[in-house]
Amino acid sequence: MLAIDLLDHFELYSWQIISLLIIAGFLVGFINTIAGSGTVITYSLFMMLGLPANIANGTIRLGVVMQTLVAGLNFKRNKFLDLKKGLILAFPVVIGSILGAQIAATINEDVFEIILVVVLVIMLFSLFFNPKKWLEDQKHLIQKKTTWGQIFIFLLIGLYGGFIHIGVGIILLSAIVLIAGYDLVKANAIKILIVFLYSPFALAVFMLNGHVEYGIGLIAAIGNVFGGLVGSNMAINRGNRFVKWVLVAVIVLFAAYLLDIPAIIQDFSR
C-alpha cells in the first residue's frame, strides 16, 4: 500500500526519491558502522518502492560493500583494526555467508525473530550488568588461539548474514566482544572487516540469480559511504562509551521493530 502511495506521488528516479534513498543510505551506513541492524531502513524503503523481498535483500548488499570498505579503511588508518585476528574470524563467516545466500527461505521467520529478540535482551543485560567486557579489552581472550568452537559460532553468524544480513552487525559485534575479548571500538573495526569480506560473496550469489536492482542500490550506496565514514570517525573520536549508548538505542529500536510494538499497542488500545 505504501509502495503504491510513494510511486503515485513521485517518479522512481525523481529528486525526491533519490534524496530519500541517499538519506536512508547515510543512516544505514552510520548505524551499521557503530552498532548494526541499520540495514532494516533501506530494506524497508526498497520494499516501499515496490521491490520484492528477495530483490530488496540482494540490493541492500551493494551499499553494505561500499560502507564497510570506507569504514574499514578508516579504522585501519587510525590503528584500531587487528587485521590478523579479523581475517581469522572472517574465514568461517565468509563460508557461512555463501551457504546462507543460497538457502531458500525455509526458516520460520516468526520463530527466528523471537529468538533474535531474546538474544538482544541478553545483550542489553550484559551491557548494563557486565559493562567492563564491552568497554575494556580482555587481553586473555585476545591472546588466546581461535578455537574450533569459535570458528563454528562465526560460521553460523555468516550463515545468517548471507541469508538476510539484517541484524548481523549486532550479533557479530557481541561475539567479537564476548568471545574474542575486544572493546567496542576495536570490535567494531573487526566487525566491519568481516562484513566487508563476506558481503561481496553474498552479493555475487544474488547478482547471479538476478536479485539486485542496481539503480536504486547504487543511489542508496552513496549515502552508505558517507554514513560509514561519519560513523567510523565518531566511534574513533568518541570512544567506547559513546558506542555503547548508540548500541543500546539501536538494540531497543530493533527489538521494537521485530516485535512490531506499534501494532501491539494499537491492538491493546482497541
C-alpha atoms as a PDB file:
ATOM      1  CA  MET A   1       0.000   0.000   0.000  1.00  0.00           C
ATOM      2  CA  LEU A   2       2.768   2.403   0.978  1.00  0.00           C
ATOM      3  CA  ALA A   3       4.778   1.394  -2.103  1.00  0.00           C
ATOM      4  CA  ILE A   4       1.844   2.363  -4.323  1.00  0.00           C
ATOM      5  CA  ASP A   5       1.415   5.676  -2.494  1.00  0.00           C
ATOM      6  CA  LEU A   6       5.097   6.615  -2.900  1.00  0.00           C
ATOM      7  CA  LEU A   7       5.169   5.863  -6.602  1.00  0.00           C
ATOM      8  CA  ASP A   8       1.804   7.525  -7.156  1.00  0.00           C
ATOM      9  CA  HIS A   9       3.218  10.796  -5.831  1.00  0.00           C
ATOM     10  CA  PHE A  10       6.772  10.621  -7.269  1.00  0.00           C
ATOM     11  CA  GLU A  11       8.620   9.102 -10.209  1.00  0.00           C
ATOM     12  CA  LEU A  12      11.007   6.319  -9.205  1.00  0.00           C
ATOM     13  CA  TYR A  13      14.101   8.375 -10.053  1.00  0.00           C
ATOM     14  CA  SER A  14      12.711  11.796  -9.163  1.00  0.00           C
ATOM     15  CA  TRP A  15      14.837  14.056  -6.971  1.00  0.00           C
ATOM     16  CA  GLN A  16      12.536  13.327  -4.031  1.00  0.00           C
ATOM     17  CA  ILE A  17      13.090   9.558  -4.237  1.00  0.00           C
ATOM     18  CA  ILE A  18      16.821   9.980  -4.918  1.00  0.00           C
ATOM     19  CA  SER A  19      17.139  12.243  -1.864  1.00  0.00           C
ATOM     20  CA  LEU A  20      15.208   9.759   0.266  1.00  0.00           C
ATOM     21  CA  LEU A  21      17.462   6.908  -0.885  1.00  0.00           C
ATOM     22  CA  ILE A  22      20.646   8.845  -0.091  1.00  0.00           C
ATOM     23  CA  ILE A  23      19.399   9.944   3.351  1.00  0.00           C
ATOM     24  CA  ALA A  24      18.309   6.390   4.163  1.00  0.00           C
ATOM     25  CA  GLY A  25      21.675   5.081   2.947  1.00  0.00           C
ATOM     26  CA  PHE A  26      23.501   7.566   5.182  1.00  0.00           C
ATOM     27  CA  LEU A  27      21.536   6.454   8.254  1.00  0.00           C
ATOM     28  CA  VAL A  28      22.220   2.815   7.409  1.00  0.00           C
ATOM     29  CA  GLY A  29      25.944   3.406   6.972  1.00  0.00           C
ATOM     30  CA  PHE A  30      26.165   5.354  10.237  1.00  0.00           C
ATOM     31  CA  ILE A  31      24.135   2.898  12.337  1.00  0.00           C
ATOM     32  CA  ASN A  32      25.749  -0.209  10.833  1.00  0.00           C
ATOM     33  CA  THR A  33      29.247   1.132  11.441  1.00  0.00           C
ATOM     34  CA  ILE A  34      28.691   1.989  15.106  1.00  0.00           C
ATOM     35  CA  ALA A  35      26.267  -0.779  16.051  1.00  0.00           C
ATOM     36  CA  GLY A  36      24.335  -2.786  13.460  1.00  0.00           C
ATOM     37  CA  SER A  37      20.836  -3.545  12.138  1.00  0.00           C
ATOM     38  CA  GLY A  38      20.636  -0.236  10.267  1.00  0.00           C
ATOM     39  CA  THR A  39      20.068  -2.157   7.031  1.00  0.00           C
ATOM     40  CA  VAL A  40      16.445  -2.608   8.050  1.00  0.00           C
ATOM     41  CA  ILE A  41      15.943   1.050   6.974  1.00  0.00           C
ATOM     42  CA  THR A  42      16.899   0.566   3.314  1.00  0.00           C
ATOM     43  CA  TYR A  43      15.362  -2.914   3.260  1.00  0.00           C
ATOM     44  CA  SER A  44      12.015  -1.432   4.307  1.00  0.00           C
ATOM     45  CA  LEU A  45      12.380   1.531   1.930  1.00  0.00           C
ATOM     46  CA  PHE A  46      13.155  -0.738  -1.031  1.00  0.00           C
ATOM     47  CA  MET A  47      10.031  -2.744  -0.213  1.00  0.00           C
ATOM     48  CA  MET A  48       8.041   0.512  -0.050  1.00  0.00           C
ATOM     49  CA  LEU A  49       9.307   1.321  -3.550  1.00  0.00           C
ATOM     50  CA  GLY A  50       7.872  -1.943  -4.786  1.00  0.00           C
ATOM     51  CA  LEU A  51      10.871  -4.270  -4.800  1.00  0.00           C
ATOM     52  CA  PRO A  52      10.063  -7.904  -3.940  1.00  0.00           C
ATOM     53  CA  ALA A  53      11.624  -9.112  -0.678  1.00  0.00           C
ATOM     54  CA  ASN A  54      14.296 -11.255  -2.371  1.00  0.00           C
ATOM     55  CA  ILE A  55      15.416  -8.370  -4.628  1.00  0.00           C
ATOM     56  CA  ALA A  56      15.401  -5.902  -1.718  1.00  0.00           C
ATOM     57  CA  ASN A  57      17.514  -8.413   0.204  1.00  0.00           C
ATOM     58  CA  GLY A  58      20.031  -8.582  -2.625  1.00  0.00           C
ATOM     59  CA  THR A  59      20.047  -4.859  -3.390  1.00  0.00           C
ATOM     60  CA  ILE A  60      20.964  -3.785   0.152  1.00  0.00           C
ATOM     61  CA  ARG A  61      24.273  -5.638  -0.259  1.00  0.00           C
ATOM     62  CA  LEU A  62      25.577  -3.008  -2.717  1.00  0.00           C
ATOM     63  CA  GLY A  63      25.552  -0.322  -0.020  1.00  0.00           C
ATOM     64  CA  VAL A  64      26.918  -2.687   2.611  1.00  0.00           C
ATOM     65  CA  VAL A  65      30.018  -3.412   0.499  1.00  0.00           C
ATOM     66  CA  MET A  66      30.673   0.305  -0.063  1.00  0.00           C
ATOM     67  CA  GLN A  67      30.123   1.438   3.547  1.00  0.00           C
ATOM     68  CA  THR A  68      32.298  -1.326   5.028  1.00  0.00           C
ATOM     69  CA  LEU A  69      35.126  -0.590   2.575  1.00  0.00           C
ATOM     70  CA  VAL A  70      35.253   3.088   3.580  1.00  0.00           C
ATOM     71  CA  ALA A  71      34.754   2.478   7.311  1.00  0.00           C
ATOM     72  CA  GLY A  72      37.253  -0.401   7.369  1.00  0.00           C
ATOM     73  CA  LEU A  73      39.981   1.673   5.722  1.00  0.00           C
ATOM     74  CA  ASN A  74      39.300   4.461   8.239  1.00  0.00           C
ATOM     75  CA  PHE A  75      39.634   2.108  11.220  1.00  0.00           C
ATOM     76  CA  LYS A  76      42.841   0.641   9.720  1.00  0.00           C
ATOM     77  CA  ARG A  77      44.346   4.092   9.109  1.00  0.00           C
ATOM     78  CA  ASN A  78      43.699   5.023  12.734  1.00  0.00           C
ATOM     79  CA  LYS A  79      45.217   1.728  14.002  1.00  0.00           C
ATOM     80  CA  PHE A  80      42.015   0.357  15.550  1.00  0.00           C
ATOM     81  CA  LEU A  81      41.863  -2.749  13.354  1.00  0.00           C
ATOM     82  CA  ASP A  82      43.517  -6.039  14.363  1.00  0.00           C
ATOM     83  CA  LEU A  83      43.865  -7.267  10.791  1.00  0.00           C
ATOM     84  CA  LYS A  84      45.315 -10.702  11.614  1.00  0.00           C
ATOM     85  CA  LYS A  85      42.585 -11.706  14.074  1.00  0.00           C
ATOM     86  CA  GLY A  86      39.946 -10.161  11.855  1.00  0.00           C
ATOM     87  CA  LEU A  87      40.998 -12.311   8.895  1.00  0.00           C
ATOM     88  CA  ILE A  88      40.981 -15.472  11.035  1.00  0.00           C
ATOM     89  CA  LEU A  89      37.452 -14.785  12.286  1.00  0.00           C
ATOM     90  CA  ALA A  90      36.299 -13.698   8.826  1.00  0.00           C
ATOM     91  CA  PHE A  91      37.092 -17.041   7.149  1.00  0.00           C
ATOM     92  CA  PRO A  92      34.229 -19.072   8.695  1.00  0.00           C
ATOM     93  CA  VAL A  93      31.864 -16.111   8.293  1.00  0.00           C
ATOM     94  CA  VAL A  94      32.630 -15.937   4.557  1.00  0.00           C
ATOM     95  CA  ILE A  95      31.988 -19.686   4.146  1.00  0.00           C
ATOM     96  CA  GLY A  96      28.750 -19.411   6.098  1.00  0.00           C
ATOM     97  CA  SER A  97      27.583 -16.376   4.117  1.00  0.00           C
ATOM     98  CA  ILE A  98      27.958 -18.184   0.792  1.00  0.00           C
ATOM     99  CA  LEU A  99      25.853 -21.066   2.087  1.00  0.00           C
ATOM    100  CA  GLY A 100      23.324 -18.718   3.679  1.00  0.00           C
ATOM    101  CA  ALA A 101      22.837 -16.698   0.497  1.00  0.00           C
ATOM    102  CA  GLN A 102      21.915 -19.889  -1.382  1.00  0.00           C
ATOM    103  CA  ILE A 103      19.495 -21.251   1.193  1.00  0.00           C
ATOM    104  CA  ALA A 104      15.829 -20.976   0.289  1.00  0.00           C
ATOM    105  CA  ALA A 105      13.578 -19.332   2.861  1.00  0.00           C
ATOM    106  CA  THR A 106      12.927 -22.482   4.869  1.00  0.00           C
ATOM    107  CA  ILE A 107      13.349 -20.888   8.323  1.00  0.00           C
ATOM    108  CA  ASN A 108      10.144 -19.994  10.145  1.00  0.00           C
ATOM    109  CA  GLU A 109      10.524 -16.203  10.235  1.00  0.00           C
ATOM    110  CA  ASP A 110       8.316 -15.671  13.291  1.00  0.00           C
ATOM    111  CA  VAL A 111      10.264 -18.187  15.373  1.00  0.00           C
ATOM    112  CA  PHE A 112      13.582 -16.734  14.271  1.00  0.00           C
ATOM    113  CA  GLU A 113      12.541 -13.200  15.170  1.00  0.00           C
ATOM    114  CA  ILE A 114      11.551 -14.316  18.682  1.00  0.00           C
ATOM    115  CA  ILE A 115      14.970 -15.960  19.131  1.00  0.00           C
ATOM    116  CA  LEU A 116      16.689 -12.799  17.897  1.00  0.00           C
ATOM    117  CA  VAL A 117      14.728 -10.633  20.357  1.00  0.00           C
ATOM    118  CA  VAL A 118      15.827 -12.920  23.217  1.00  0.00           C
ATOM    119  CA  VAL A 119      19.447 -12.543  22.106  1.00  0.00           C
ATOM    120  CA  LEU A 120      19.071  -8.749  22.025  1.00  0.00           C
ATOM    121  CA  VAL A 121      17.624  -8.684  25.558  1.00  0.00           C
ATOM    122  CA  ILE A 122      20.560 -10.768  26.817  1.00  0.00           C
ATOM    123  CA  MET A 123      22.939  -8.315  25.170  1.00  0.00           C
ATOM    124  CA  LEU A 124      21.219  -5.374  26.846  1.00  0.00           C
ATOM    125  CA  PHE A 125      21.511  -7.108  30.215  1.00  0.00           C
ATOM    126  CA  SER A 126      25.227  -7.698  29.637  1.00  0.00           C
ATOM    127  CA  LEU A 127      25.823  -4.078  28.566  1.00  0.00           C
ATOM    128  CA  PHE A 128      24.460  -2.764  31.876  1.00  0.00           C
ATOM    129  CA  PHE A 129      25.380  -5.507  34.340  1.00  0.00           C
ATOM    130  CA  ASN A 130      28.741  -6.515  32.907  1.00  0.00           C
ATOM    131  CA  PRO A 131      29.909  -3.321  31.138  1.00  0.00           C
ATOM    132  CA  LYS A 132      33.628  -3.960  31.663  1.00  0.00           C
ATOM    133  CA  LYS A 133      33.609  -6.663  28.977  1.00  0.00           C
ATOM    134  CA  TRP A 134      32.269  -4.149  26.467  1.00  0.00           C
ATOM    135  CA  LEU A 135      34.404  -1.144  27.411  1.00  0.00           C
ATOM    136  CA  GLU A 136      37.825  -2.736  28.024  1.00  0.00           C
ATOM    137  CA  ASP A 137      39.972  -5.250  26.161  1.00  0.00           C
ATOM    138  CA  GLN A 138      40.031  -8.740  27.711  1.00  0.00           C
ATOM    139  CA  LYS A 139      43.666  -9.497  26.946  1.00  0.00           C
ATOM    140  CA  HIS A 140      43.485 -13.161  27.972  1.00  0.00           C
ATOM    141  CA  LEU A 141      40.799 -13.720  25.315  1.00  0.00           C
ATOM    142  CA  ILE A 142      42.581 -11.658  22.644  1.00  0.00           C
ATOM    143  CA  GLN A 143      45.830 -13.608  23.109  1.00  0.00           C
ATOM    144  CA  LYS A 144      44.045 -16.957  23.180  1.00  0.00           C
ATOM    145  CA  LYS A 145      44.195 -19.042  19.999  1.00  0.00           C
ATOM    146  CA  THR A 146      40.990 -19.261  17.979  1.00  0.00           C
ATOM    147  CA  THR A 147      39.170 -22.474  18.912  1.00  0.00           C
ATOM    148  CA  TRP A 148      37.017 -24.753  16.770  1.00  0.00           C
ATOM    149  CA  GLY A 149      34.054 -23.710  18.886  1.00  0.00           C
ATOM    150  CA  GLN A 150      34.636 -20.064  17.986  1.00  0.00           C
ATOM    151  CA  ILE A 151      35.004 -20.979  14.319  1.00  0.00           C
ATOM    152  CA  PHE A 152      31.663 -22.821  14.438  1.00  0.00           C
ATOM    153  CA  ILE A 153      29.925 -19.833  16.068  1.00  0.00           C
ATOM    154  CA  PHE A 154      31.240 -17.439  13.421  1.00  0.00           C
ATOM    155  CA  LEU A 155      30.241 -19.927  10.698  1.00  0.00           C
ATOM    156  CA  LEU A 156      26.655 -19.786  11.983  1.00  0.00           C
ATOM    157  CA  ILE A 157      26.786 -15.980  12.084  1.00  0.00           C
ATOM    158  CA  GLY A 158      27.963 -15.972   8.467  1.00  0.00           C
ATOM    159  CA  LEU A 159      25.144 -18.364   7.536  1.00  0.00           C
ATOM    160  CA  TYR A 160      22.604 -15.894   8.891  1.00  0.00           C
ATOM    161  CA  GLY A 161      24.420 -12.904   7.386  1.00  0.00           C
ATOM    162  CA  GLY A 162      24.337 -14.456   3.935  1.00  0.00           C
ATOM    163  CA  PHE A 163      20.690 -15.398   4.383  1.00  0.00           C
ATOM    164  CA  ILE A 164      19.250 -11.988   5.301  1.00  0.00           C
ATOM    165  CA  HIS A 165      22.016  -9.700   6.729  1.00  0.00           C
ATOM    166  CA  ILE A 166      19.625  -7.576   8.851  1.00  0.00           C
ATOM    167  CA  GLY A 167      20.808  -7.696  12.477  1.00  0.00           C
ATOM    168  CA  VAL A 168      24.074  -9.489  11.708  1.00  0.00           C
ATOM    169  CA  GLY A 169      26.161  -6.470  12.781  1.00  0.00           C
ATOM    170  CA  ILE A 170      24.887  -6.584  16.356  1.00  0.00           C
ATOM    171  CA  ILE A 171      25.342 -10.358  16.549  1.00  0.00           C
ATOM    172  CA  LEU A 172      28.875 -10.105  15.160  1.00  0.00           C
ATOM    173  CA  LEU A 173      29.738  -7.232  17.480  1.00  0.00           C
ATOM    174  CA  SER A 174      28.593  -9.134  20.565  1.00  0.00           C
ATOM    175  CA  ALA A 175      30.528 -12.255  19.520  1.00  0.00           C
ATOM    176  CA  ILE A 176      33.742 -10.295  18.953  1.00  0.00           C
ATOM    177  CA  VAL A 177      33.402  -8.579  22.349  1.00  0.00           C
ATOM    178  CA  LEU A 178      32.294 -11.541  24.454  1.00  0.00           C
ATOM    179  CA  ILE A 179      34.188 -14.348  22.709  1.00  0.00           C
ATOM    180  CA  ALA A 180      37.273 -12.664  21.220  1.00  0.00           C
ATOM    181  CA  GLY A 181      37.710 -10.107  24.041  1.00  0.00           C
ATOM    182  CA  TYR A 182      37.930  -6.776  22.170  1.00  0.00           C
ATOM    183  CA  ASP A 183      36.440  -3.496  23.421  1.00  0.00           C
ATOM    184  CA  LEU A 184      33.545  -1.974  21.471  1.00  0.00           C
ATOM    185  CA  VAL A 185      35.548   0.283  19.146  1.00  0.00           C
ATOM    186  CA  LYS A 186      38.101  -2.388  18.183  1.00  0.00           C
ATOM    187  CA  ALA A 187      35.334  -4.976  17.907  1.00  0.00           C
ATOM    188  CA  ASN A 188      33.504  -2.619  15.544  1.00  0.00           C
ATOM    189  CA  ALA A 189      36.615  -2.388  13.365  1.00  0.00           C
ATOM    190  CA  ILE A 190      36.862  -6.193  13.140  1.00  0.00           C
ATOM    191  CA  LYS A 191      33.108  -6.454  12.540  1.00  0.00           C
ATOM    192  CA  ILE A 192      33.400  -4.018   9.622  1.00  0.00           C
ATOM    193  CA  LEU A 193      36.284  -6.021   8.134  1.00  0.00           C
ATOM    194  CA  ILE A 194      34.362  -9.292   8.425  1.00  0.00           C
ATOM    195  CA  VAL A 195      31.204  -7.861   6.843  1.00  0.00           C
ATOM    196  CA  PHE A 196      33.292  -6.320   4.046  1.00  0.00           C
ATOM    197  CA  LEU A 197      34.937  -9.670   3.304  1.00  0.00           C
ATOM    198  CA  TYR A 198      31.777 -11.761   3.240  1.00  0.00           C
ATOM    199  CA  SER A 199      29.382  -9.281   1.597  1.00  0.00           C
ATOM    200  CA  PRO A 200      30.803  -9.487  -1.960  1.00  0.00           C
ATOM    201  CA  PHE A 201      30.358 -13.272  -1.953  1.00  0.00           C
ATOM    202  CA  ALA A 202      26.744 -12.997  -0.812  1.00  0.00           C
ATOM    203  CA  LEU A 203      26.171 -10.147  -3.287  1.00  0.00           C
ATOM    204  CA  ALA A 204      27.573 -12.267  -6.133  1.00  0.00           C
ATOM    205  CA  VAL A 205      25.054 -15.019  -5.379  1.00  0.00           C
ATOM    206  CA  PHE A 206      22.173 -12.528  -5.516  1.00  0.00           C
ATOM    207  CA  MET A 207      23.586 -10.988  -8.715  1.00  0.00           C
ATOM    208  CA  LEU A 208      23.823 -14.385 -10.410  1.00  0.00           C
ATOM    209  CA  ASN A 209      20.190 -15.010  -9.529  1.00  0.00           C
ATOM    210  CA  GLY A 210      19.107 -11.604 -10.881  1.00  0.00           C
ATOM    211  CA  HIS A 211      18.079 -10.344  -7.434  1.00  0.00           C
ATOM    212  CA  VAL A 212      19.773  -6.920  -7.486  1.00  0.00           C
ATOM    213  CA  GLU A 213      18.200  -3.608  -8.576  1.00  0.00           C
ATOM    214  CA  TYR A 214      21.369  -1.666  -9.452  1.00  0.00           C
ATOM    215  CA  GLY A 215      19.927   1.822  -9.938  1.00  0.00           C
ATOM    216  CA  ILE A 216      18.198   2.032  -6.562  1.00  0.00           C
ATOM    217  CA  GLY A 217      21.016   0.177  -4.790  1.00  0.00           C
ATOM    218  CA  LEU A 218      23.826   2.368  -6.105  1.00  0.00           C
ATOM    219  CA  ILE A 219      21.996   5.611  -5.309  1.00  0.00           C
ATOM    220  CA  ALA A 220      21.427   4.465  -1.710  1.00  0.00           C
ATOM    221  CA  ALA A 221      25.080   3.343  -1.597  1.00  0.00           C
ATOM    222  CA  ILE A 222      26.183   6.987  -1.964  1.00  0.00           C
ATOM    223  CA  GLY A 223      24.597   7.649   1.425  1.00  0.00           C
ATOM    224  CA  ASN A 224      26.039   4.409   2.806  1.00  0.00           C
ATOM    225  CA  VAL A 225      29.574   5.578   2.021  1.00  0.00           C
ATOM    226  CA  PHE A 226      29.221   8.904   3.829  1.00  0.00           C
ATOM    227  CA  GLY A 227      27.394   7.255   6.728  1.00  0.00           C
ATOM    228  CA  GLY A 228      30.186   4.707   7.123  1.00  0.00           C
ATOM    229  CA  LEU A 229      32.817   7.443   7.093  1.00  0.00           C
ATOM    230  CA  VAL A 230      31.000   9.613   9.666  1.00  0.00           C
ATOM    231  CA  GLY A 231      30.171   6.596  11.850  1.00  0.00           C
ATOM    232  CA  SER A 232      33.738   5.301  11.964  1.00  0.00           C
ATOM    233  CA  ASN A 233      35.096   8.778  12.763  1.00  0.00           C
ATOM    234  CA  MET A 234      32.627   9.198  15.624  1.00  0.00           C
ATOM    235  CA  ALA A 235      33.444   5.754  17.032  1.00  0.00           C
ATOM    236  CA  ILE A 236      37.180   6.536  16.918  1.00  0.00           C
ATOM    237  CA  ASN A 237      36.894  10.060  18.344  1.00  0.00           C
ATOM    238  CA  ARG A 238      34.203   9.499  20.980  1.00  0.00           C
ATOM    239  CA  GLY A 239      35.230   6.049  22.166  1.00  0.00           C
ATOM    240  CA  ASN A 240      33.604   3.045  23.792  1.00  0.00           C
ATOM    241  CA  ARG A 241      31.020   4.780  25.967  1.00  0.00           C
ATOM    242  CA  PHE A 242      29.531   6.640  23.007  1.00  0.00           C
ATOM    243  CA  VAL A 243      29.367   3.400  21.010  1.00  0.00           C
ATOM    244  CA  LYS A 244      27.750   1.657  23.989  1.00  0.00           C
ATOM    245  CA  TRP A 245      24.838   4.105  24.172  1.00  0.00           C
ATOM    246  CA  VAL A 246      24.297   4.069  20.409  1.00  0.00           C
ATOM    247  CA  LEU A 247      24.265   0.265  20.615  1.00  0.00           C
ATOM    248  CA  VAL A 248      21.711   0.341  23.449  1.00  0.00           C
ATOM    249  CA  ALA A 249      19.426   2.640  21.436  1.00  0.00           C
ATOM    250  CA  VAL A 250      19.732   0.502  18.300  1.00  0.00           C
ATOM    251  CA  ILE A 251      19.029  -2.739  20.197  1.00  0.00           C
ATOM    252  CA  VAL A 252      15.885  -1.277  21.797  1.00  0.00           C
ATOM    253  CA  LEU A 253      14.587   0.117  18.475  1.00  0.00           C
ATOM    254  CA  PHE A 254      15.439  -3.056  16.553  1.00  0.00           C
ATOM    255  CA  ALA A 255      13.720  -5.247  19.153  1.00  0.00           C
ATOM    256  CA  ALA A 256      10.656  -2.980  18.955  1.00  0.00           C
ATOM    257  CA  TYR A 257      10.711  -3.332  15.163  1.00  0.00           C
ATOM    258  CA  LEU A 258      10.903  -7.133  15.371  1.00  0.00           C
ATOM    259  CA  LEU A 259       8.071  -7.302  17.904  1.00  0.00           C
ATOM    260  CA  ASP A 260       6.018  -4.716  15.949  1.00  0.00           C
ATOM    261  CA  ILE A 261       5.362  -2.768  19.161  1.00  0.00           C
ATOM    262  CA  PRO A 262       3.169  -0.060  17.497  1.00  0.00           C
ATOM    263  CA  ALA A 263       0.772  -2.757  16.222  1.00  0.00           C
ATOM    264  CA  ILE A 264       0.676  -4.403  19.661  1.00  0.00           C
ATOM    265  CA  ILE A 265      -0.155  -1.085  21.325  1.00  0.00           C
ATOM    266  CA  GLN A 266      -2.832  -0.352  18.733  1.00  0.00           C
ATOM    267  CA  ASP A 267      -4.439  -3.770  19.218  1.00  0.00           C
ATOM    268  CA  PHE A 268      -4.308  -3.403  23.001  1.00  0.00           C
ATOM    269  CA  SER A 269      -5.974   0.025  22.894  1.00  0.00           C
ATOM    270  CA  ARG A 270      -8.950  -1.241  20.927  1.00  0.00           C
END
